[in-house]
Amino acid sequence: MKARLRLLFGAILAAMLVVTTWASLKVPLWRAGSDLSDPWSLATLCDAYAGFLTFFAWVAYKERAAGARILWFVLIMALGNIAMAAYVLRELARLPEGAPIEALLLRRGA
């Protein structure tokens, strides 16, 4: 299961880096426009950030230090799924050998 999760989140990270790089080469971020008058653009943006906040709730539970929580909040809000995939990959790397996959969801030492 750990290998499958590494593959999944590694693929998410790679895909997001590729599509973000591609988009940045087509239109620089500072020139990108968003038509928030379109209801679906606004709904999609709200949905994405609701997902980011949901994921951050788990990160805030896992991370004990306020500084780490702040850092991950900024990274998740700025980089979205790139930061989220990196966080899961980091947590998978920290998972002790032989630990059940359920331990991934819990605080270390909990």
Protein backbone atom coordinates (compact mmCIF):
# COMPACT_ATOMS: atom_id res chain seq x y z
CA MET A 1 0.00 0.00 0.00
CA LYS A 2 2.84 2.39 0.83
CA ALA A 3 4.37 1.84 -2.63
CA ARG A 4 1.00 2.49 -4.29
CA LEU A 5 0.56 5.73 -2.37
CA ARG A 6 4.09 6.82 -3.30
CA LEU A 7 3.29 6.10 -6.93
CA LEU A 8 -0.04 7.95 -6.76
CA PHE A 9 1.29 11.07 -5.04
CA GLY A 10 4.50 11.01 -7.07
CA ALA A 11 2.37 10.99 -10.22
CA ILE A 12 0.18 13.82 -8.90
CA LEU A 13 3.27 15.88 -8.06
CA ALA A 14 4.87 15.21 -11.45
CA ALA A 15 1.65 15.97 -13.35
CA MET A 16 1.06 19.21 -11.47
CA LEU A 17 4.66 20.33 -12.03
CA VAL A 18 4.41 19.55 -15.75
CA VAL A 19 1.06 21.29 -16.27
CA THR A 20 2.09 24.28 -14.14
CA THR A 21 5.36 24.65 -16.05
CA TRP A 22 3.54 24.31 -19.38
CA ALA A 23 0.94 26.92 -18.41
CA SER A 24 3.64 29.29 -17.11
CA LEU A 25 5.51 29.05 -20.40
CA LYS A 26 2.32 29.85 -22.33
CA VAL A 27 1.11 32.72 -20.10
CA PRO A 28 3.09 34.11 -17.17
CA LEU A 29 1.18 33.92 -13.89
CA TRP A 30 1.14 37.70 -13.48
CA ARG A 31 -0.65 38.02 -16.84
CA ALA A 32 -3.14 35.25 -16.26
CA GLY A 33 -6.70 36.43 -16.00
CA SER A 34 -9.63 34.76 -14.40
CA ASP A 35 -13.18 35.43 -15.36
CA LEU A 36 -14.82 35.22 -11.95
CA SER A 37 -18.01 36.56 -13.47
CA ASP A 38 -18.44 33.04 -14.89
CA PRO A 39 -20.22 31.07 -12.14
CA TRP A 40 -18.30 27.88 -12.94
CA SER A 41 -14.93 29.61 -12.67
CA LEU A 42 -15.87 30.90 -9.24
CA ALA A 43 -17.36 27.54 -8.17
CA THR A 44 -14.20 25.72 -9.30
CA LEU A 45 -11.95 28.15 -7.45
CA CYS A 46 -14.03 27.85 -4.26
CA ASP A 47 -14.04 24.06 -4.58
CA ALA A 48 -10.24 23.96 -4.93
CA TYR A 49 -9.63 26.15 -1.90
CA ALA A 50 -12.19 24.23 0.18
CA GLY A 51 -10.18 21.12 -0.65
CA PHE A 52 -6.93 22.85 0.28
CA LEU A 53 -8.41 23.89 3.65
CA THR A 54 -9.74 20.37 4.25
CA PHE A 55 -6.30 18.91 3.59
CA PHE A 56 -4.69 21.57 5.77
CA ALA A 57 -6.94 20.53 8.68
CA TRP A 58 -5.19 17.14 8.58
CA VAL A 59 -1.77 18.79 8.28
CA ALA A 60 -2.54 21.02 11.29
CA TYR A 61 -3.44 17.89 13.27
CA LYS A 62 -0.24 16.09 12.23
CA GLU A 63 2.16 18.99 12.74
CA ARG A 64 2.72 19.92 16.38
CA ALA A 65 4.84 23.05 15.84
CA ALA A 66 3.11 26.33 15.02
CA GLY A 67 5.89 27.27 12.61
CA ALA A 68 5.42 24.07 10.61
CA ARG A 69 1.68 24.62 10.53
CA ILE A 70 2.11 28.17 9.23
CA LEU A 71 4.66 27.09 6.63
CA TRP A 72 2.46 24.27 5.32
CA PHE A 73 -0.60 26.55 5.29
CA VAL A 74 1.23 29.07 3.09
CA LEU A 75 2.61 26.34 0.82
CA ILE A 76 -0.77 24.64 0.41
CA MET A 77 -2.62 27.91 -0.27
CA ALA A 78 0.06 29.06 -2.74
CA LEU A 79 0.94 25.79 -4.47
CA GLY A 80 -2.19 23.69 -3.94
CA ASN A 81 -1.83 20.09 -5.04
CA ILE A 82 1.91 20.45 -5.58
CA ALA A 83 2.41 21.13 -1.86
CA MET A 84 -0.19 18.55 -0.88
CA ALA A 85 1.49 15.78 -2.87
CA ALA A 86 4.90 16.79 -1.49
CA TYR A 87 3.52 16.64 2.06
CA VAL A 88 2.11 13.13 1.60
CA LEU A 89 5.36 11.94 0.01
CA ARG A 90 7.30 13.40 2.97
CA GLU A 91 4.99 11.67 5.44
CA LEU A 92 5.31 8.37 3.56
CA ALA A 93 9.11 8.67 3.72
CA ARG A 94 8.90 9.25 7.49
CA LEU A 95 6.65 6.25 8.05
CA PRO A 96 8.68 3.61 9.91
CA GLU A 97 9.39 0.38 8.06
CA GLY A 98 6.70 -2.14 8.82
CA ALA A 99 4.29 0.45 10.25
CA PRO A 100 0.68 -0.04 9.22
CA ILE A 101 -0.52 2.42 6.59
CA GLU A 102 -3.06 3.73 9.11
CA ALA A 103 -0.11 5.27 10.95
CA LEU A 104 0.26 7.68 8.02
CA LEU A 105 -2.94 9.41 9.10
CA LEU A 106 -1.99 9.80 12.76
CA ARG A 107 0.38 12.12 14.57
CA ARG A 108 3.80 10.67 15.18
CA GLY A 109 3.98 9.49 18.75
CA ALA A 110 0.19 9.59 19.11
